[in-house]
Amino acid sequence: PLLSGSINLWQIHHRYQAWAKVLSA
């Protein structure tokens, strides 16, 4: 799902990386 909530693109990217790692496992 949309994981925004921050104007910092690095933080948004980091959230998606963490999400993908947990979801995949």
PDB file of all heavy atoms in Angstrom:
ATOM      1  N   PRO A   1       0.844  -1.197   0.000  1.00  0.00           N
ATOM      2  CA  PRO A   1       0.000   0.000   0.000  1.00  0.00           C
ATOM      3  C   PRO A   1       0.882   1.250   0.000  1.00  0.00           C
ATOM      4  O   PRO A   1       2.098   1.152   0.170  1.00  0.00           O
ATOM      5  CB  PRO A   1      -0.773  -0.122   1.320  1.00  0.00           C
ATOM      6  CG  PRO A   1       0.122  -0.913   2.198  1.00  0.00           C
ATOM      7  CD  PRO A   1       0.831  -1.880   1.286  1.00  0.00           C
ATOM      8  N   LEU A   2       0.264   2.392  -0.201  1.00  0.00           N
ATOM      9  CA  LEU A   2       1.020   3.641  -0.163  1.00  0.00           C
ATOM     10  C   LEU A   2       1.646   3.807   1.215  1.00  0.00           C
ATOM     11  O   LEU A   2       0.963   3.697   2.229  1.00  0.00           O
ATOM     12  CB  LEU A   2       0.110   4.829  -0.476  1.00  0.00           C
ATOM     13  CG  LEU A   2      -0.433   4.877  -1.898  1.00  0.00           C
ATOM     14  CD1 LEU A   2      -1.422   6.030  -2.044  1.00  0.00           C
ATOM     15  CD2 LEU A   2       0.685   5.006  -2.906  1.00  0.00           C
ATOM     16  N   LEU A   3       2.930   4.040   1.254  1.00  0.00           N
ATOM     17  CA  LEU A   3       3.661   4.157   2.520  1.00  0.00           C
ATOM     18  C   LEU A   3       4.278   5.534   2.657  1.00  0.00           C
ATOM     19  O   LEU A   3       5.378   5.681   3.165  1.00  0.00           O
ATOM     20  CB  LEU A   3       4.772   3.092   2.599  1.00  0.00           C
ATOM     21  CG  LEU A   3       4.334   1.641   2.539  1.00  0.00           C
ATOM     22  CD1 LEU A   3       5.557   0.724   2.507  1.00  0.00           C
ATOM     23  CD2 LEU A   3       3.445   1.300   3.723  1.00  0.00           C
ATOM     24  N   SER A   4       3.603   6.551   2.211  1.00  0.00           N
ATOM     25  CA  SER A   4       4.173   7.901   2.271  1.00  0.00           C
ATOM     26  C   SER A   4       4.115   8.429   3.702  1.00  0.00           C
ATOM     27  O   SER A   4       4.406   7.708   4.630  1.00  0.00           O
ATOM     28  CB  SER A   4       3.447   8.818   1.299  1.00  0.00           C
ATOM     29  OG  SER A   4       2.075   8.830   1.580  1.00  0.00           O
ATOM     30  N   GLY A   5       3.728   9.661   3.890  1.00  0.00           N
ATOM     31  CA  GLY A   5       3.701  10.241   5.228  1.00  0.00           C
ATOM     32  C   GLY A   5       4.949  11.045   5.526  1.00  0.00           C
ATOM     33  O   GLY A   5       5.143  11.537   6.616  1.00  0.00           O
ATOM     34  N   SER A   6       5.814  11.157   4.556  1.00  0.00           N
ATOM     35  CA  SER A   6       7.043  11.922   4.727  1.00  0.00           C
ATOM     36  C   SER A   6       7.336  12.649   3.423  1.00  0.00           C
ATOM     37  O   SER A   6       7.048  12.144   2.343  1.00  0.00           O
ATOM     38  CB  SER A   6       8.196  10.986   5.060  1.00  0.00           C
ATOM     39  OG  SER A   6       9.410  11.700   5.055  1.00  0.00           O
ATOM     40  N   ILE A   7       7.904  13.836   3.521  1.00  0.00           N
ATOM     41  CA  ILE A   7       8.271  14.550   2.302  1.00  0.00           C
ATOM     42  C   ILE A   7       9.686  14.194   1.848  1.00  0.00           C
ATOM     43  O   ILE A   7      10.098  14.554   0.764  1.00  0.00           O
ATOM     44  CB  ILE A   7       8.140  16.081   2.489  1.00  0.00           C
ATOM     45  CG1 ILE A   7       9.001  16.576   3.655  1.00  0.00           C
ATOM     46  CG2 ILE A   7       6.697  16.482   2.656  1.00  0.00           C
ATOM     47  CD1 ILE A   7       9.082  18.082   3.752  1.00  0.00           C
ATOM     48  N   ASN A   8      10.396  13.466   2.665  1.00  0.00           N
ATOM     49  CA  ASN A   8      11.752  13.061   2.351  1.00  0.00           C
ATOM     50  C   ASN A   8      11.708  11.798   1.488  1.00  0.00           C
ATOM     51  O   ASN A   8      11.295  10.734   1.946  1.00  0.00           O
ATOM     52  CB  ASN A   8      12.509  12.804   3.660  1.00  0.00           C
ATOM     53  CG  ASN A   8      13.951  12.429   3.449  1.00  0.00           C
ATOM     54  OD1 ASN A   8      14.294  11.740   2.489  1.00  0.00           O
ATOM     55  ND2 ASN A   8      14.792  12.874   4.366  1.00  0.00           N
ATOM     56  N   LEU A   9      12.114  11.888   0.232  1.00  0.00           N
ATOM     57  CA  LEU A   9      12.053  10.750  -0.680  1.00  0.00           C
ATOM     58  C   LEU A   9      12.923   9.590  -0.215  1.00  0.00           C
ATOM     59  O   LEU A   9      12.584   8.428  -0.431  1.00  0.00           O
ATOM     60  CB  LEU A   9      12.450  11.181  -2.094  1.00  0.00           C
ATOM     61  CG  LEU A   9      11.477  12.126  -2.784  1.00  0.00           C
ATOM     62  CD1 LEU A   9      12.013  12.526  -4.152  1.00  0.00           C
ATOM     63  CD2 LEU A   9      10.106  11.495  -2.909  1.00  0.00           C
ATOM     64  N   TRP A  10      14.041   9.875   0.437  1.00  0.00           N
ATOM     65  CA  TRP A  10      14.890   8.801   0.954  1.00  0.00           C
ATOM     66  C   TRP A  10      14.134   7.985   1.997  1.00  0.00           C
ATOM     67  O   TRP A  10      14.209   6.760   2.005  1.00  0.00           O
ATOM     68  CB  TRP A  10      16.171   9.378   1.552  1.00  0.00           C
ATOM     69  CG  TRP A  10      17.088   8.286   2.024  1.00  0.00           C
ATOM     70  CD1 TRP A  10      18.001   7.616   1.277  1.00  0.00           C
ATOM     71  CD2 TRP A  10      17.129   7.709   3.328  1.00  0.00           C
ATOM     72  NE1 TRP A  10      18.633   6.664   2.040  1.00  0.00           N
ATOM     73  CE2 TRP A  10      18.110   6.694   3.314  1.00  0.00           C
ATOM     74  CE3 TRP A  10      16.443   7.952   4.512  1.00  0.00           C
ATOM     75  CZ2 TRP A  10      18.412   5.930   4.424  1.00  0.00           C
ATOM     76  CZ3 TRP A  10      16.744   7.171   5.623  1.00  0.00           C
ATOM     77  CH2 TRP A  10      17.719   6.182   5.568  1.00  0.00           C
ATOM     78  N   GLN A  11      13.399   8.665   2.896  1.00  0.00           N
ATOM     79  CA  GLN A  11      12.631   7.952   3.920  1.00  0.00           C
ATOM     80  C   GLN A  11      11.540   7.089   3.295  1.00  0.00           C
ATOM     81  O   GLN A  11      11.326   5.955   3.725  1.00  0.00           O
ATOM     82  CB  GLN A  11      12.009   8.938   4.910  1.00  0.00           C
ATOM     83  CG  GLN A  11      13.018   9.566   5.842  1.00  0.00           C
ATOM     84  CD  GLN A  11      12.364  10.593   6.758  1.00  0.00           C
ATOM     85  OE1 GLN A  11      11.366  11.211   6.421  1.00  0.00           O
ATOM     86  NE2 GLN A  11      12.947  10.761   7.939  1.00  0.00           N
ATOM     87  N   ILE A  12      10.863   7.615   2.290  1.00  0.00           N
ATOM     88  CA  ILE A  12       9.824   6.833   1.600  1.00  0.00           C
ATOM     89  C   ILE A  12      10.458   5.615   0.941  1.00  0.00           C
ATOM     90  O   ILE A  12       9.951   4.493   1.067  1.00  0.00           O
ATOM     91  CB  ILE A  12       9.068   7.700   0.577  1.00  0.00           C
ATOM     92  CG1 ILE A  12       8.258   8.784   1.300  1.00  0.00           C
ATOM     93  CG2 ILE A  12       8.141   6.839  -0.286  1.00  0.00           C
ATOM     94  CD1 ILE A  12       7.663   9.821   0.376  1.00  0.00           C
ATOM     95  N   HIS A  13      11.570   5.800   0.253  1.00  0.00           N
ATOM     96  CA  HIS A  13      12.275   4.691  -0.392  1.00  0.00           C
ATOM     97  C   HIS A  13      12.687   3.642   0.651  1.00  0.00           C
ATOM     98  O   HIS A  13      12.527   2.440   0.437  1.00  0.00           O
ATOM     99  CB  HIS A  13      13.496   5.215  -1.151  1.00  0.00           C
ATOM    100  CG  HIS A  13      14.304   4.141  -1.790  1.00  0.00           C
ATOM    101  ND1 HIS A  13      13.884   3.460  -2.905  1.00  0.00           N
ATOM    102  CD2 HIS A  13      15.519   3.627  -1.452  1.00  0.00           C
ATOM    103  CE1 HIS A  13      14.800   2.562  -3.237  1.00  0.00           C
ATOM    104  NE2 HIS A  13      15.802   2.647  -2.378  1.00  0.00           N
ATOM    105  N   HIS A  14      13.226   4.106   1.779  1.00  0.00           N
ATOM    106  CA  HIS A  14      13.640   3.201   2.852  1.00  0.00           C
ATOM    107  C   HIS A  14      12.447   2.405   3.380  1.00  0.00           C
ATOM    108  O   HIS A  14      12.564   1.207   3.659  1.00  0.00           O
ATOM    109  CB  HIS A  14      14.320   3.986   3.972  1.00  0.00           C
ATOM    110  CG  HIS A  14      14.773   3.128   5.111  1.00  0.00           C
ATOM    111  ND1 HIS A  14      15.835   2.254   4.993  1.00  0.00           N
ATOM    112  CD2 HIS A  14      14.301   2.999   6.369  1.00  0.00           C
ATOM    113  CE1 HIS A  14      16.002   1.616   6.149  1.00  0.00           C
ATOM    114  NE2 HIS A  14      15.084   2.053   6.992  1.00  0.00           N
ATOM    115  N   ARG A  15      11.295   3.062   3.535  1.00  0.00           N
ATOM    116  CA  ARG A  15      10.088   2.357   4.004  1.00  0.00           C
ATOM    117  C   ARG A  15       9.703   1.238   3.049  1.00  0.00           C
ATOM    118  O   ARG A  15       9.355   0.144   3.474  1.00  0.00           O
ATOM    119  CB  ARG A  15       8.920   3.332   4.147  1.00  0.00           C
ATOM    120  CG  ARG A  15       9.055   4.249   5.315  1.00  0.00           C
ATOM    121  CD  ARG A  15       7.900   5.206   5.371  1.00  0.00           C
ATOM    122  NE  ARG A  15       8.109   6.165   6.439  1.00  0.00           N
ATOM    123  CZ  ARG A  15       7.367   7.214   6.643  1.00  0.00           C
ATOM    124  NH1 ARG A  15       6.347   7.464   5.850  1.00  0.00           N
ATOM    125  NH2 ARG A  15       7.621   8.028   7.640  1.00  0.00           N
ATOM    126  N   TYR A  16       9.752   1.500   1.746  1.00  0.00           N
ATOM    127  CA  TYR A  16       9.400   0.467   0.771  1.00  0.00           C
ATOM    128  C   TYR A  16      10.415  -0.669   0.757  1.00  0.00           C
ATOM    129  O   TYR A  16      10.047  -1.828   0.603  1.00  0.00           O
ATOM    130  CB  TYR A  16       9.230   1.054  -0.632  1.00  0.00           C
ATOM    131  CG  TYR A  16       7.873   1.687  -0.822  1.00  0.00           C
ATOM    132  CD1 TYR A  16       7.722   3.060  -0.857  1.00  0.00           C
ATOM    133  CD2 TYR A  16       6.724   0.897  -0.940  1.00  0.00           C
ATOM    134  CE1 TYR A  16       6.473   3.644  -1.011  1.00  0.00           C
ATOM    135  CE2 TYR A  16       5.478   1.469  -1.096  1.00  0.00           C
ATOM    136  CZ  TYR A  16       5.356   2.843  -1.131  1.00  0.00           C
ATOM    137  OH  TYR A  16       4.121   3.408  -1.278  1.00  0.00           O
ATOM    138  N   GLN A  17      11.682  -0.346   0.944  1.00  0.00           N
ATOM    139  CA  GLN A  17      12.694  -1.410   1.019  1.00  0.00           C
ATOM    140  C   GLN A  17      12.438  -2.310   2.221  1.00  0.00           C
ATOM    141  O   GLN A  17      12.498  -3.536   2.110  1.00  0.00           O
ATOM    142  CB  GLN A  17      14.098  -0.811   1.098  1.00  0.00           C
ATOM    143  CG  GLN A  17      14.629  -0.309  -0.206  1.00  0.00           C
ATOM    144  CD  GLN A  17      16.067   0.157  -0.075  1.00  0.00           C
ATOM    145  OE1 GLN A  17      16.454   0.768   0.926  1.00  0.00           O
ATOM    146  NE2 GLN A  17      16.858  -0.126  -1.095  1.00  0.00           N
ATOM    147  N   ALA A  18      12.170  -1.705   3.375  1.00  0.00           N
ATOM    148  CA  ALA A  18      11.895  -2.483   4.583  1.00  0.00           C
ATOM    149  C   ALA A  18      10.613  -3.303   4.407  1.00  0.00           C
ATOM    150  O   ALA A  18      10.562  -4.476   4.789  1.00  0.00           O
ATOM    151  CB  ALA A  18      11.783  -1.555   5.798  1.00  0.00           C
ATOM    152  N   TRP A  19       9.596  -2.686   3.828  1.00  0.00           N
ATOM    153  CA  TRP A  19       8.321  -3.377   3.585  1.00  0.00           C
ATOM    154  C   TRP A  19       8.550  -4.588   2.678  1.00  0.00           C
ATOM    155  O   TRP A  19       8.080  -5.688   2.983  1.00  0.00           O
ATOM    156  CB  TRP A  19       7.323  -2.413   2.942  1.00  0.00           C
ATOM    157  CG  TRP A  19       5.969  -3.019   2.688  1.00  0.00           C
ATOM    158  CD1 TRP A  19       5.571  -3.700   1.572  1.00  0.00           C
ATOM    159  CD2 TRP A  19       4.855  -3.019   3.568  1.00  0.00           C
ATOM    160  NE1 TRP A  19       4.270  -4.109   1.704  1.00  0.00           N
ATOM    161  CE2 TRP A  19       3.813  -3.701   2.924  1.00  0.00           C
ATOM    162  CE3 TRP A  19       4.629  -2.494   4.842  1.00  0.00           C
ATOM    163  CZ2 TRP A  19       2.562  -3.884   3.508  1.00  0.00           C
ATOM    164  CZ3 TRP A  19       3.390  -2.673   5.413  1.00  0.00           C
ATOM    165  CH2 TRP A  19       2.373  -3.362   4.753  1.00  0.00           C
ATOM    166  N   ALA A  20       9.268  -4.390   1.587  1.00  0.00           N
ATOM    167  CA  ALA A  20       9.506  -5.470   0.631  1.00  0.00           C
ATOM    168  C   ALA A  20      10.291  -6.617   1.268  1.00  0.00           C
ATOM    169  O   ALA A  20      10.006  -7.789   1.017  1.00  0.00           O
ATOM    170  CB  ALA A  20      10.247  -4.934  -0.593  1.00  0.00           C
ATOM    171  N   LYS A  21      11.256  -6.280   2.105  1.00  0.00           N
ATOM    172  CA  LYS A  21      12.069  -7.313   2.770  1.00  0.00           C
ATOM    173  C   LYS A  21      11.212  -8.179   3.687  1.00  0.00           C
ATOM    174  O   LYS A  21      11.262  -9.411   3.632  1.00  0.00           O
ATOM    175  CB  LYS A  21      13.193  -6.649   3.567  1.00  0.00           C
ATOM    176  CG  LYS A  21      14.139  -7.611   4.221  1.00  0.00           C
ATOM    177  CD  LYS A  21      15.254  -6.869   4.938  1.00  0.00           C
ATOM    178  CE  LYS A  21      16.201  -7.838   5.626  1.00  0.00           C
ATOM    179  NZ  LYS A  21      17.269  -7.117   6.332  1.00  0.00           N
ATOM    180  N   VAL A  22      10.383  -7.545   4.506  1.00  0.00           N
ATOM    181  CA  VAL A  22       9.528  -8.285   5.448  1.00  0.00           C
ATOM    182  C   VAL A  22       8.451  -9.054   4.692  1.00  0.00           C
ATOM    183  O   VAL A  22       8.227 -10.243   4.933  1.00  0.00           O
ATOM    184  CB  VAL A  22       8.901  -7.339   6.497  1.00  0.00           C
ATOM    185  CG1 VAL A  22       7.861  -8.059   7.334  1.00  0.00           C
ATOM    186  CG2 VAL A  22       9.991  -6.752   7.388  1.00  0.00           C
ATOM    187  N   LEU A  23       7.768  -8.389   3.750  1.00  0.00           N
ATOM    188  CA  LEU A  23       6.699  -9.045   3.008  1.00  0.00           C
ATOM    189  C   LEU A  23       7.230 -10.251   2.251  1.00  0.00           C
ATOM    190  O   LEU A  23       6.624 -11.327   2.288  1.00  0.00           O
ATOM    191  CB  LEU A  23       6.026  -8.071   2.034  1.00  0.00           C
ATOM    192  CG  LEU A  23       4.864  -8.705   1.278  1.00  0.00           C
ATOM    193  CD1 LEU A  23       3.577  -7.965   1.573  1.00  0.00           C
ATOM    194  CD2 LEU A  23       5.112  -8.763  -0.202  1.00  0.00           C
ATOM    195  N   SER A  24       8.358 -10.103   1.589  1.00  0.00           N
ATOM    196  CA  SER A  24       8.926 -11.212   0.818  1.00  0.00           C
ATOM    197  C   SER A  24       9.255 -12.407   1.699  1.00  0.00           C
ATOM    198  O   SER A  24       8.950 -13.554   1.350  1.00  0.00           O
ATOM    199  CB  SER A  24      10.194 -10.760   0.089  1.00  0.00           C
ATOM    200  OG  SER A  24       9.886  -9.800  -0.874  1.00  0.00           O
ATOM    201  N   ALA A  25       9.870 -12.153   2.838  1.00  0.00           N
ATOM    202  CA  ALA A  25      10.244 -13.247   3.740  1.00  0.00           C
ATOM    203  C   ALA A  25       9.007 -13.968   4.284  1.00  0.00           C
ATOM    204  O   ALA A  25       8.945 -15.204   4.286  1.00  0.00           O
ATOM    205  CB  ALA A  25      11.094 -12.717   4.889  1.00  0.00           C
TER     206      ALA A  25
END
